[in-house]
Amino acid sequence: MIEQVKIIKLTGNLNATTSQDFRQNITETLKVGTKIVLIDFQDVTFMDSSGLGALVLAFKTLRAADSKLVLCSINEQVRILFELTNMDKVFEIFPSQDAFNQVLVSKA
């Protein structure tokens, strides 16, 4: 059975130390065949370039598998990193899970 939406809730830091676990999580998600992966950043306190690199790799990997990666609930520090690298133009970012769910329901 294909899962429509998989929510991955990250916590703490997304950096060189934790990005390997994140990539593994994406690989597992691909095996299920999820159509949309929502990364919830609500409890992420810090993200560095390694974390951003892992996100870009996940984005490309999921896109190649006809899946979509979207983000929600990013904090100010993460938002600044996205804006400085123009990744805010690449990723679809929602203010919250509720905002994402409203858009998803409106498209159904």
N, C-alpha and C. Protein backbone atom coordinates (compact mmCIF):
# COMPACT_ATOMS: atom_id res chain seq x y z
N MET A 1 0.84 -1.20 0.00
CA MET A 1 0.00 0.00 0.00
C MET A 1 0.88 1.25 0.00
N ILE A 2 0.55 2.18 -0.85
CA ILE A 2 1.31 3.42 -0.93
C ILE A 2 0.76 4.44 0.07
N GLU A 3 1.65 4.94 0.89
CA GLU A 3 1.29 5.98 1.85
C GLU A 3 1.27 7.31 1.11
N GLN A 4 0.22 8.09 1.24
CA GLN A 4 0.16 9.38 0.57
C GLN A 4 1.17 10.36 1.14
N VAL A 5 1.14 10.53 2.48
CA VAL A 5 2.01 11.51 3.13
C VAL A 5 2.75 10.85 4.28
N LYS A 6 4.04 11.02 4.31
CA LYS A 6 4.88 10.56 5.42
C LYS A 6 5.42 11.81 6.10
N ILE A 7 5.23 11.91 7.41
CA ILE A 7 5.74 13.04 8.17
C ILE A 7 6.98 12.61 8.92
N ILE A 8 8.06 13.32 8.69
CA ILE A 8 9.31 13.08 9.42
C ILE A 8 9.52 14.28 10.32
N LYS A 9 9.48 14.03 11.62
CA LYS A 9 9.63 15.10 12.61
C LYS A 9 11.06 15.08 13.11
N LEU A 10 11.81 16.11 12.77
CA LEU A 10 13.20 16.21 13.19
C LEU A 10 13.29 16.92 14.54
N THR A 11 14.34 16.60 15.30
CA THR A 11 14.55 17.27 16.58
C THR A 11 16.02 17.63 16.74
N GLY A 12 16.29 18.68 17.51
CA GLY A 12 17.67 19.06 17.82
C GLY A 12 18.38 19.68 16.63
N ASN A 13 19.55 19.13 16.31
CA ASN A 13 20.39 19.65 15.23
C ASN A 13 20.29 18.77 14.00
N LEU A 14 20.32 19.41 12.83
CA LEU A 14 20.49 18.68 11.57
C LEU A 14 21.85 19.11 11.04
N ASN A 15 22.85 18.25 11.28
CA ASN A 15 24.23 18.58 10.93
C ASN A 15 24.94 17.32 10.44
N ALA A 16 26.26 17.38 10.35
CA ALA A 16 27.04 16.25 9.84
C ALA A 16 26.80 14.98 10.66
N THR A 17 26.62 15.14 11.96
CA THR A 17 26.42 14.00 12.85
C THR A 17 25.06 13.34 12.64
N THR A 18 24.03 14.13 12.45
CA THR A 18 22.66 13.59 12.38
C THR A 18 22.15 13.41 10.95
N SER A 19 22.83 13.97 9.97
CA SER A 19 22.30 13.90 8.60
C SER A 19 22.32 12.47 8.05
N GLN A 20 23.21 11.61 8.54
CA GLN A 20 23.24 10.22 8.08
C GLN A 20 21.95 9.50 8.48
N ASP A 21 21.48 9.73 9.72
CA ASP A 21 20.22 9.14 10.16
C ASP A 21 19.06 9.66 9.32
N PHE A 22 19.11 10.94 9.00
CA PHE A 22 18.07 11.55 8.17
C PHE A 22 18.04 10.89 6.79
N ARG A 23 19.22 10.72 6.18
CA ARG A 23 19.28 10.08 4.85
C ARG A 23 18.74 8.65 4.91
N GLN A 24 19.05 7.94 5.99
CA GLN A 24 18.54 6.57 6.17
C GLN A 24 17.01 6.57 6.25
N ASN A 25 16.47 7.55 6.95
CA ASN A 25 15.02 7.69 7.08
C ASN A 25 14.38 7.91 5.71
N ILE A 26 15.01 8.73 4.88
CA ILE A 26 14.50 8.98 3.52
C ILE A 26 14.54 7.70 2.69
N THR A 27 15.62 6.95 2.81
CA THR A 27 15.76 5.68 2.08
C THR A 27 14.64 4.72 2.46
N GLU A 28 14.35 4.63 3.76
CA GLU A 28 13.25 3.77 4.23
C GLU A 28 11.91 4.25 3.68
N THR A 29 11.73 5.55 3.63
CA THR A 29 10.49 6.14 3.12
C THR A 29 10.30 5.79 1.65
N LEU A 30 11.38 5.79 0.89
CA LEU A 30 11.30 5.45 -0.54
C LEU A 30 10.83 4.02 -0.75
N LYS A 31 11.23 3.12 0.15
CA LYS A 31 10.84 1.71 0.02
C LYS A 31 9.33 1.54 0.14
N VAL A 32 8.69 2.42 0.91
CA VAL A 32 7.24 2.36 1.11
C VAL A 32 6.51 2.93 -0.10
N GLY A 33 7.15 3.87 -0.80
CA GLY A 33 6.53 4.47 -1.98
C GLY A 33 5.64 5.65 -1.67
N THR A 34 6.01 6.42 -0.67
CA THR A 34 5.23 7.59 -0.26
C THR A 34 5.23 8.65 -1.36
N LYS A 35 4.10 9.31 -1.55
CA LYS A 35 3.98 10.35 -2.57
C LYS A 35 4.51 11.70 -2.11
N ILE A 36 4.26 12.04 -0.84
CA ILE A 36 4.71 13.33 -0.29
C ILE A 36 5.40 13.08 1.04
N VAL A 37 6.59 13.64 1.20
CA VAL A 37 7.29 13.57 2.47
C VAL A 37 7.32 14.98 3.06
N LEU A 38 6.74 15.11 4.24
CA LEU A 38 6.71 16.39 4.95
C LEU A 38 7.74 16.35 6.07
N ILE A 39 8.73 17.24 5.99
CA ILE A 39 9.74 17.33 7.04
C ILE A 39 9.31 18.44 7.99
N ASP A 40 9.04 18.06 9.24
CA ASP A 40 8.60 19.02 10.25
C ASP A 40 9.81 19.48 11.06
N PHE A 41 10.12 20.76 10.95
CA PHE A 41 11.28 21.35 11.60
C PHE A 41 10.95 22.01 12.94
N GLN A 42 9.76 21.80 13.47
CA GLN A 42 9.33 22.51 14.67
C GLN A 42 10.33 22.39 15.82
N ASP A 43 10.92 21.21 16.02
CA ASP A 43 11.83 20.99 17.15
C ASP A 43 13.30 21.01 16.75
N VAL A 44 13.60 21.54 15.54
CA VAL A 44 14.99 21.67 15.11
C VAL A 44 15.52 23.01 15.60
N THR A 45 16.63 22.96 16.32
CA THR A 45 17.19 24.19 16.88
C THR A 45 18.34 24.73 16.04
N PHE A 46 18.97 23.86 15.21
CA PHE A 46 20.12 24.29 14.43
C PHE A 46 20.27 23.41 13.21
N MET A 47 20.65 24.03 12.08
CA MET A 47 20.97 23.27 10.88
C MET A 47 22.18 23.92 10.23
N ASP A 48 23.15 23.10 9.83
CA ASP A 48 24.34 23.64 9.15
C ASP A 48 24.34 23.19 7.69
N SER A 49 25.45 23.45 7.00
CA SER A 49 25.51 23.14 5.57
C SER A 49 25.40 21.63 5.30
N SER A 50 25.86 20.80 6.22
CA SER A 50 25.71 19.34 6.05
C SER A 50 24.24 18.95 6.08
N GLY A 51 23.50 19.56 6.99
CA GLY A 51 22.07 19.30 7.07
C GLY A 51 21.36 19.77 5.82
N LEU A 52 21.75 20.94 5.33
CA LEU A 52 21.17 21.47 4.10
C LEU A 52 21.50 20.55 2.93
N GLY A 53 22.72 20.08 2.88
CA GLY A 53 23.13 19.14 1.83
C GLY A 53 22.31 17.86 1.86
N ALA A 54 22.04 17.36 3.07
CA ALA A 54 21.22 16.15 3.21
C ALA A 54 19.80 16.41 2.72
N LEU A 55 19.28 17.60 2.98
CA LEU A 55 17.94 17.96 2.50
C LEU A 55 17.89 18.03 0.99
N VAL A 56 18.90 18.65 0.39
CA VAL A 56 18.95 18.75 -1.08
C VAL A 56 19.04 17.36 -1.70
N LEU A 57 19.87 16.50 -1.12
CA LEU A 57 19.99 15.13 -1.62
C LEU A 57 18.66 14.39 -1.50
N ALA A 58 17.97 14.58 -0.37
CA ALA A 58 16.66 13.95 -0.18
C ALA A 58 15.66 14.47 -1.21
N PHE A 59 15.70 15.78 -1.45
CA PHE A 59 14.82 16.40 -2.44
C PHE A 59 15.03 15.77 -3.82
N LYS A 60 16.29 15.64 -4.23
CA LYS A 60 16.60 15.07 -5.54
C LYS A 60 16.23 13.59 -5.61
N THR A 61 16.52 12.86 -4.54
CA THR A 61 16.22 11.43 -4.50
C THR A 61 14.73 11.18 -4.59
N LEU A 62 13.96 11.94 -3.82
CA LEU A 62 12.51 11.78 -3.84
C LEU A 62 11.91 12.20 -5.17
N ARG A 63 12.42 13.29 -5.73
CA ARG A 63 11.92 13.75 -7.03
C ARG A 63 12.16 12.69 -8.11
N ALA A 64 13.32 12.05 -8.06
CA ALA A 64 13.63 11.00 -9.03
C ALA A 64 12.68 9.80 -8.89
N ALA A 65 12.11 9.63 -7.69
CA ALA A 65 11.18 8.54 -7.44
C ALA A 65 9.72 8.99 -7.56
N ASP A 66 9.50 10.16 -8.18
CA ASP A 66 8.15 10.73 -8.35
C ASP A 66 7.47 11.03 -7.03
N SER A 67 8.26 11.39 -6.05
CA SER A 67 7.72 11.83 -4.76
C SER A 67 8.08 13.29 -4.57
N LYS A 68 7.45 13.90 -3.59
CA LYS A 68 7.64 15.33 -3.35
C LYS A 68 8.12 15.54 -1.92
N LEU A 69 9.05 16.46 -1.73
CA LEU A 69 9.54 16.82 -0.40
C LEU A 69 9.08 18.22 -0.08
N VAL A 70 8.39 18.38 1.05
CA VAL A 70 7.96 19.69 1.51
C VAL A 70 8.39 19.86 2.97
N LEU A 71 8.51 21.11 3.39
CA LEU A 71 8.98 21.42 4.74
C LEU A 71 7.93 22.24 5.47
N CYS A 72 7.97 22.18 6.80
CA CYS A 72 7.10 23.04 7.58
C CYS A 72 7.76 23.41 8.90
N SER A 73 7.27 24.48 9.48
CA SER A 73 7.63 24.92 10.84
C SER A 73 9.12 25.20 11.02
N ILE A 74 9.75 25.84 10.02
CA ILE A 74 11.18 26.14 10.19
C ILE A 74 11.33 27.39 11.06
N ASN A 75 12.40 27.39 11.87
CA ASN A 75 12.64 28.54 12.75
C ASN A 75 13.43 29.63 12.00
N GLU A 76 13.67 30.72 12.67
CA GLU A 76 14.32 31.88 12.05
C GLU A 76 15.73 31.56 11.56
N GLN A 77 16.52 30.83 12.36
CA GLN A 77 17.90 30.49 11.97
C GLN A 77 17.91 29.65 10.69
N VAL A 78 17.03 28.67 10.64
CA VAL A 78 16.95 27.80 9.46
C VAL A 78 16.44 28.60 8.26
N ARG A 79 15.45 29.46 8.49
CA ARG A 79 14.91 30.29 7.41
C ARG A 79 16.01 31.17 6.81
N ILE A 80 16.85 31.76 7.64
CA ILE A 80 17.94 32.61 7.16
C ILE A 80 18.90 31.79 6.29
N LEU A 81 19.23 30.57 6.73
CA LEU A 81 20.10 29.70 5.93
C LEU A 81 19.47 29.41 4.57
N PHE A 82 18.18 29.14 4.55
CA PHE A 82 17.49 28.90 3.27
C PHE A 82 17.52 30.13 2.39
N GLU A 83 17.30 31.29 2.97
CA GLU A 83 17.28 32.52 2.18
C GLU A 83 18.67 32.87 1.64
N LEU A 84 19.70 32.70 2.46
CA LEU A 84 21.07 33.01 2.02
C LEU A 84 21.52 32.12 0.87
N THR A 85 21.03 30.89 0.85
CA THR A 85 21.43 29.94 -0.19
C THR A 85 20.40 29.82 -1.31
N ASN A 86 19.35 30.66 -1.24
CA ASN A 86 18.25 30.64 -2.21
C ASN A 86 17.49 29.31 -2.23
N MET A 87 17.64 28.51 -1.20
CA MET A 87 16.93 27.24 -1.12
C MET A 87 15.45 27.46 -0.79
N ASP A 88 15.11 28.66 -0.31
CA ASP A 88 13.70 28.96 -0.08
C ASP A 88 12.93 29.03 -1.39
N LYS A 89 13.66 29.15 -2.51
CA LYS A 89 13.04 29.14 -3.83
C LYS A 89 12.87 27.70 -4.36
N VAL A 90 13.66 26.78 -3.79
CA VAL A 90 13.65 25.39 -4.23
C VAL A 90 12.61 24.57 -3.47
N PHE A 91 12.60 24.74 -2.15
CA PHE A 91 11.71 23.95 -1.30
C PHE A 91 10.37 24.65 -1.10
N GLU A 92 9.33 23.86 -1.06
CA GLU A 92 8.01 24.37 -0.69
C GLU A 92 7.95 24.33 0.84
N ILE A 93 7.76 25.50 1.45
CA ILE A 93 7.81 25.61 2.91
C ILE A 93 6.48 26.13 3.43
N PHE A 94 5.91 25.39 4.37
CA PHE A 94 4.65 25.77 5.00
C PHE A 94 4.91 26.26 6.42
N PRO A 95 4.10 27.21 6.90
CA PRO A 95 4.31 27.73 8.25
C PRO A 95 4.11 26.67 9.33
N SER A 96 3.22 25.68 9.07
CA SER A 96 2.92 24.65 10.07
C SER A 96 2.35 23.41 9.38
N GLN A 97 2.22 22.33 10.17
CA GLN A 97 1.59 21.12 9.63
C GLN A 97 0.14 21.39 9.27
N ASP A 98 -0.53 22.20 10.09
CA ASP A 98 -1.93 22.53 9.81
C ASP A 98 -2.07 23.24 8.46
N ALA A 99 -1.17 24.18 8.17
CA ALA A 99 -1.21 24.89 6.89
C ALA A 99 -1.00 23.92 5.74
N PHE A 100 -0.09 22.98 5.91
CA PHE A 100 0.15 21.96 4.89
C PHE A 100 -1.11 21.12 4.69
N ASN A 101 -1.71 20.68 5.80
CA ASN A 101 -2.91 19.83 5.72
C ASN A 101 -4.07 20.55 5.03
N GLN A 102 -4.20 21.84 5.26
CA GLN A 102 -5.27 22.61 4.61
C GLN A 102 -5.07 22.63 3.10
N VAL A 103 -3.83 22.82 2.66
CA VAL A 103 -3.54 22.81 1.22
C VAL A 103 -3.77 21.43 0.64
N LEU A 104 -3.35 20.41 1.37
CA LEU A 104 -3.53 19.03 0.91
C LEU A 104 -5.01 18.69 0.76
N VAL A 105 -5.81 19.07 1.73
CA VAL A 105 -7.26 18.81 1.69
C VAL A 105 -7.90 19.58 0.54
N SER A 106 -7.46 20.80 0.31
CA SER A 106 -8.06 21.61 -0.77
C SER A 106 -7.73 21.05 -2.15
N LYS A 107 -6.64 20.30 -2.27
CA LYS A 107 -6.27 19.69 -3.55
C LYS A 107 -6.94 18.35 -3.78
N ALA A 108 -7.48 17.77 -2.70
CA ALA A 108 -8.08 16.42 -2.80
C ALA A 108 -9.42 16.45 -3.50
